[in-house]
Amino acid sequence: MTTVNYNPPTIAPVTLTATRINGSQSASITFKAKDAFGNLLSCDPTVVTVGAVGPLPGGRRGLRKLLREDGRGEVTVIENVPDAEHYITVQNNTPGLRQIEILVNRRWYRLSNLTNGQMVQLDVAGGMEPGSENRIVILGRGPRNGTAVVTIADVYMP
């Protein structure tokens, strides 16, 4: 853990950079910022890289079967998401995905016509249940080598 103190406090933007050690796994980072008055802000986003999913046998209904099969790596599942973390930022890579479908508990969201390098922000509060037992499932559609970085947080992440 690294702590950085600014003395005197700054009003300039501060950039925080973290490196994911294994790009094929999700990552979490927690950071806290305190202003000159002692007010504390905490942020702990979840960051995942999503690839393209092949056709689902049985369409969306086939997703249940797919989720029961371990190790397939075709969908991204994030469990135990607090309801406050309902802001999703998608940074499409190059090559990127053409579409991303997101299942939040029982509610579907679709981002279509995505372009390489595009950033999209989505509020999924309508699909969240109170508490920390929410499940988010992410399916990417597009070329086999297409990917996007998806960040889930309690604020929109640039």
C-alpha atoms as a PDB file:
ATOM      1  CA  MET A   1       0.000   0.000   0.000  1.00  0.00           C
ATOM      2  CA  THR A   2       1.238   3.457  -0.880  1.00  0.00           C
ATOM      3  CA  THR A   3       0.150   6.658   0.857  1.00  0.00           C
ATOM      4  CA  VAL A   4       0.626  10.029  -0.793  1.00  0.00           C
ATOM      5  CA  ASN A   5       0.191  13.234   1.196  1.00  0.00           C
ATOM      6  CA  TYR A   6      -0.077  16.695  -0.337  1.00  0.00           C
ATOM      7  CA  ASN A   7       1.068  19.485   1.956  1.00  0.00           C
ATOM      8  CA  PRO A   8      -0.439  21.975   1.480  1.00  0.00           C
ATOM      9  CA  PRO A   9      -3.574  20.293   0.065  1.00  0.00           C
ATOM     10  CA  THR A  10      -4.104  20.642  -3.675  1.00  0.00           C
ATOM     11  CA  ILE A  11      -7.156  21.537  -5.730  1.00  0.00           C
ATOM     12  CA  ALA A  12      -5.465  20.272  -8.892  1.00  0.00           C
ATOM     13  CA  PRO A  13      -6.540  16.926 -10.345  1.00  0.00           C
ATOM     14  CA  VAL A  14      -4.610  13.989  -8.915  1.00  0.00           C
ATOM     15  CA  THR A  15      -4.061  10.952 -11.117  1.00  0.00           C
ATOM     16  CA  LEU A  16      -4.019   7.502  -9.567  1.00  0.00           C
ATOM     17  CA  THR A  17      -2.528   4.695 -11.638  1.00  0.00           C
ATOM     18  CA  ALA A  18      -2.778   0.997 -10.807  1.00  0.00           C
ATOM     19  CA  THR A  19      -1.511  -1.901 -12.872  1.00  0.00           C
ATOM     20  CA  ARG A  20      -3.425  -5.157 -13.109  1.00  0.00           C
ATOM     21  CA  ILE A  21      -0.917  -7.989 -12.666  1.00  0.00           C
ATOM     22  CA  ASN A  22      -2.967 -10.603 -14.515  1.00  0.00           C
ATOM     23  CA  GLY A  23      -4.990  -9.046 -17.344  1.00  0.00           C
ATOM     24  CA  SER A  24      -7.205 -12.123 -17.679  1.00  0.00           C
ATOM     25  CA  GLN A  25      -8.622 -11.719 -14.158  1.00  0.00           C
ATOM     26  CA  SER A  26     -10.803  -9.055 -12.599  1.00  0.00           C
ATOM     27  CA  ALA A  27      -9.160  -6.480 -10.382  1.00  0.00           C
ATOM     28  CA  SER A  28     -10.163  -4.318  -7.462  1.00  0.00           C
ATOM     29  CA  ILE A  29      -8.510  -1.292  -5.956  1.00  0.00           C
ATOM     30  CA  THR A  30      -9.575   0.827  -3.018  1.00  0.00           C
ATOM     31  CA  PHE A  31      -8.502   4.394  -2.624  1.00  0.00           C
ATOM     32  CA  LYS A  32      -9.448   7.084  -0.149  1.00  0.00           C
ATOM     33  CA  ALA A  33      -9.159  10.828  -0.539  1.00  0.00           C
ATOM     34  CA  LYS A  34      -9.449  13.371   2.249  1.00  0.00           C
ATOM     35  CA  ASP A  35     -10.038  17.043   1.638  1.00  0.00           C
ATOM     36  CA  ALA A  36      -8.627  19.958   3.656  1.00  0.00           C
ATOM     37  CA  PHE A  37     -11.667  19.814   5.953  1.00  0.00           C
ATOM     38  CA  GLY A  38     -11.204  16.132   6.769  1.00  0.00           C
ATOM     39  CA  ASN A  39     -14.070  14.835   4.589  1.00  0.00           C
ATOM     40  CA  LEU A  40     -13.234  11.328   3.382  1.00  0.00           C
ATOM     41  CA  LEU A  41     -14.162   9.807   0.024  1.00  0.00           C
ATOM     42  CA  SER A  42     -13.660   6.092  -0.543  1.00  0.00           C
ATOM     43  CA  CYS A  43     -13.818   4.372  -3.922  1.00  0.00           C
ATOM     44  CA  ASP A  44     -13.349   0.665  -4.653  1.00  0.00           C
ATOM     45  CA  PRO A  45     -14.198  -0.058  -8.296  1.00  0.00           C
ATOM     46  CA  THR A  46     -14.188  -3.503  -9.876  1.00  0.00           C
ATOM     47  CA  VAL A  47     -12.428  -3.676 -13.243  1.00  0.00           C
ATOM     48  CA  VAL A  48     -12.788  -6.561 -15.715  1.00  0.00           C
ATOM     49  CA  THR A  49     -11.745  -7.136 -19.303  1.00  0.00           C
ATOM     50  CA  VAL A  50     -14.584  -8.635 -21.314  1.00  0.00           C
ATOM     51  CA  GLY A  51     -14.105 -10.651 -24.496  1.00  0.00           C
ATOM     52  CA  ALA A  52     -16.552 -11.811 -27.130  1.00  0.00           C
ATOM     53  CA  VAL A  53     -18.941 -14.649 -26.279  1.00  0.00           C
ATOM     54  CA  GLY A  54     -19.899 -17.201 -28.893  1.00  0.00           C
ATOM     55  CA  PRO A  55     -23.552 -17.958 -29.638  1.00  0.00           C
ATOM     56  CA  LEU A  56     -25.467 -19.087 -26.558  1.00  0.00           C
ATOM     57  CA  PRO A  57     -27.317 -22.363 -27.093  1.00  0.00           C
ATOM     58  CA  GLY A  58     -30.931 -21.504 -26.364  1.00  0.00           C
ATOM     59  CA  GLY A  59     -30.275 -17.738 -26.443  1.00  0.00           C
ATOM     60  CA  ARG A  60     -30.495 -15.903 -23.135  1.00  0.00           C
ATOM     61  CA  ARG A  61     -32.280 -18.890 -21.613  1.00  0.00           C
ATOM     62  CA  GLY A  62     -29.138 -20.908 -22.281  1.00  0.00           C
ATOM     63  CA  LEU A  63     -27.268 -18.535 -19.993  1.00  0.00           C
ATOM     64  CA  ARG A  64     -28.446 -20.428 -16.903  1.00  0.00           C
ATOM     65  CA  LYS A  65     -26.787 -23.602 -18.148  1.00  0.00           C
ATOM     66  CA  LEU A  66     -23.648 -21.691 -19.121  1.00  0.00           C
ATOM     67  CA  LEU A  67     -23.362 -20.132 -15.657  1.00  0.00           C
ATOM     68  CA  ARG A  68     -23.551 -23.567 -14.006  1.00  0.00           C
ATOM     69  CA  GLU A  69     -20.611 -24.854 -16.041  1.00  0.00           C
ATOM     70  CA  ASP A  70     -17.334 -23.816 -14.440  1.00  0.00           C
ATOM     71  CA  GLY A  71     -14.260 -22.858 -16.386  1.00  0.00           C
ATOM     72  CA  ARG A  72     -15.883 -21.932 -19.694  1.00  0.00           C
ATOM     73  CA  GLY A  73     -14.636 -18.362 -19.490  1.00  0.00           C
ATOM     74  CA  GLU A  74     -17.286 -17.143 -21.925  1.00  0.00           C
ATOM     75  CA  VAL A  75     -19.166 -14.850 -19.579  1.00  0.00           C
ATOM     76  CA  THR A  76     -18.000 -12.509 -16.835  1.00  0.00           C
ATOM     77  CA  VAL A  77     -19.826 -12.917 -13.525  1.00  0.00           C
ATOM     78  CA  ILE A  78     -19.353 -10.522 -10.622  1.00  0.00           C
ATOM     79  CA  GLU A  79     -20.973 -11.578  -7.364  1.00  0.00           C
ATOM     80  CA  ASN A  80     -21.746  -9.714  -4.123  1.00  0.00           C
ATOM     81  CA  VAL A  81     -21.917  -6.253  -5.663  1.00  0.00           C
ATOM     82  CA  PRO A  82     -23.182  -3.564  -3.243  1.00  0.00           C
ATOM     83  CA  ASP A  83     -26.218  -1.637  -4.501  1.00  0.00           C
ATOM     84  CA  ALA A  84     -24.255   1.637  -4.311  1.00  0.00           C
ATOM     85  CA  GLU A  85     -21.976   0.371  -7.087  1.00  0.00           C
ATOM     86  CA  HIS A  86     -24.459   0.823  -9.915  1.00  0.00           C
ATOM     87  CA  TYR A  87     -22.392   2.970 -12.282  1.00  0.00           C
ATOM     88  CA  ILE A  88     -20.818   1.070 -15.164  1.00  0.00           C
ATOM     89  CA  THR A  89     -18.192   2.538 -17.466  1.00  0.00           C
ATOM     90  CA  VAL A  90     -17.252   0.617 -20.618  1.00  0.00           C
ATOM     91  CA  GLN A  91     -14.031   1.508 -22.428  1.00  0.00           C
ATOM     92  CA  ASN A  92     -14.087  -0.347 -25.722  1.00  0.00           C
ATOM     93  CA  ASN A  93     -10.636  -1.394 -26.920  1.00  0.00           C
ATOM     94  CA  THR A  94      -9.242  -1.630 -30.468  1.00  0.00           C
ATOM     95  CA  PRO A  95     -10.288  -4.106 -31.678  1.00  0.00           C
ATOM     96  CA  GLY A  96     -13.357  -3.737 -29.529  1.00  0.00           C
ATOM     97  CA  LEU A  97     -16.751  -5.303 -29.068  1.00  0.00           C
ATOM     98  CA  ARG A  98     -19.834  -4.427 -31.116  1.00  0.00           C
ATOM     99  CA  GLN A  99     -22.319  -5.087 -28.325  1.00  0.00           C
ATOM    100  CA  ILE A 100     -22.327  -5.740 -24.589  1.00  0.00           C
ATOM    101  CA  GLU A 101     -25.256  -7.270 -22.733  1.00  0.00           C
ATOM    102  CA  ILE A 102     -25.360  -6.838 -18.972  1.00  0.00           C
ATOM    103  CA  LEU A 103     -27.651  -8.795 -16.659  1.00  0.00           C
ATOM    104  CA  VAL A 104     -28.093  -7.156 -13.257  1.00  0.00           C
ATOM    105  CA  ASN A 105     -29.930  -9.686 -11.112  1.00  0.00           C
ATOM    106  CA  ARG A 106     -32.982 -10.204 -13.376  1.00  0.00           C
ATOM    107  CA  ARG A 107     -32.814  -7.055 -15.514  1.00  0.00           C
ATOM    108  CA  TRP A 108     -31.058  -6.861 -18.899  1.00  0.00           C
ATOM    109  CA  TYR A 109     -29.211  -3.854 -20.313  1.00  0.00           C
ATOM    110  CA  ARG A 110     -27.807  -3.703 -23.858  1.00  0.00           C
ATOM    111  CA  LEU A 111     -25.130  -1.446 -25.312  1.00  0.00           C
ATOM    112  CA  SER A 112     -25.275  -1.738 -29.112  1.00  0.00           C
ATOM    113  CA  ASN A 113     -23.390  -0.338 -32.089  1.00  0.00           C
ATOM    114  CA  LEU A 114     -20.193   0.116 -30.090  1.00  0.00           C
ATOM    115  CA  THR A 115     -17.162   1.397 -31.983  1.00  0.00           C
ATOM    116  CA  ASN A 116     -13.452   0.867 -31.380  1.00  0.00           C
ATOM    117  CA  GLY A 117     -12.163   3.151 -28.621  1.00  0.00           C
ATOM    118  CA  GLN A 118     -15.646   4.303 -27.591  1.00  0.00           C
ATOM    119  CA  MET A 119     -16.461   5.001 -23.925  1.00  0.00           C
ATOM    120  CA  VAL A 120     -20.024   4.439 -22.665  1.00  0.00           C
ATOM    121  CA  GLN A 121     -21.468   5.031 -19.197  1.00  0.00           C
ATOM    122  CA  LEU A 122     -24.540   3.235 -17.869  1.00  0.00           C
ATOM    123  CA  ASP A 123     -26.494   3.501 -14.614  1.00  0.00           C
ATOM    124  CA  VAL A 124     -27.912   0.090 -13.628  1.00  0.00           C
ATOM    125  CA  ALA A 125     -29.524   1.194 -10.352  1.00  0.00           C
ATOM    126  CA  GLY A 126     -32.902  -0.023 -11.666  1.00  0.00           C
ATOM    127  CA  GLY A 127     -31.653  -3.612 -11.639  1.00  0.00           C
ATOM    128  CA  MET A 128     -30.002  -3.542  -8.206  1.00  0.00           C
ATOM    129  CA  GLU A 129     -31.524  -5.020  -5.069  1.00  0.00           C
ATOM    130  CA  PRO A 130     -30.878  -3.382  -1.668  1.00  0.00           C
ATOM    131  CA  GLY A 131     -27.713  -4.632   0.035  1.00  0.00           C
ATOM    132  CA  SER A 132     -24.569  -6.391  -1.155  1.00  0.00           C
ATOM    133  CA  GLU A 133     -25.913  -9.572  -2.745  1.00  0.00           C
ATOM    134  CA  ASN A 134     -26.224  -8.321  -6.327  1.00  0.00           C
ATOM    135  CA  ARG A 135     -24.968 -10.286  -9.316  1.00  0.00           C
ATOM    136  CA  ILE A 136     -23.785  -8.729 -12.571  1.00  0.00           C
ATOM    137  CA  VAL A 137     -23.244 -10.892 -15.656  1.00  0.00           C
ATOM    138  CA  ILE A 138     -21.529  -9.380 -18.705  1.00  0.00           C
ATOM    139  CA  LEU A 139     -21.577 -10.835 -22.229  1.00  0.00           C
ATOM    140  CA  GLY A 140     -19.542  -9.294 -25.036  1.00  0.00           C
ATOM    141  CA  ARG A 141     -20.394  -9.642 -28.734  1.00  0.00           C
ATOM    142  CA  GLY A 142     -18.032  -8.938 -31.585  1.00  0.00           C
ATOM    143  CA  PRO A 143     -14.850 -10.218 -33.181  1.00  0.00           C
ATOM    144  CA  ARG A 144     -13.013 -13.021 -31.370  1.00  0.00           C
ATOM    145  CA  ASN A 145     -10.093 -10.756 -30.479  1.00  0.00           C
ATOM    146  CA  GLY A 146     -12.320  -7.818 -29.480  1.00  0.00           C
ATOM    147  CA  THR A 147     -12.292  -6.706 -25.837  1.00  0.00           C
ATOM    148  CA  ALA A 148     -13.583  -3.941 -23.602  1.00  0.00           C
ATOM    149  CA  VAL A 149     -12.654  -2.856 -20.090  1.00  0.00           C
ATOM    150  CA  VAL A 150     -15.691  -2.626 -17.799  1.00  0.00           C
ATOM    151  CA  THR A 151     -15.531  -0.705 -14.520  1.00  0.00           C
ATOM    152  CA  ILE A 152     -18.247  -1.023 -11.871  1.00  0.00           C
ATOM    153  CA  ALA A 153     -18.181   1.617  -9.129  1.00  0.00           C
ATOM    154  CA  ASP A 154     -20.207   3.940  -6.936  1.00  0.00           C
ATOM    155  CA  VAL A 155     -19.316   6.855  -9.256  1.00  0.00           C
ATOM    156  CA  TYR A 156     -18.680   7.042 -12.994  1.00  0.00           C
ATOM    157  CA  MET A 157     -15.007   6.350 -13.670  1.00  0.00           C
ATOM    158  CA  PRO A 158     -13.329   8.226 -16.547  1.00  0.00           C
END
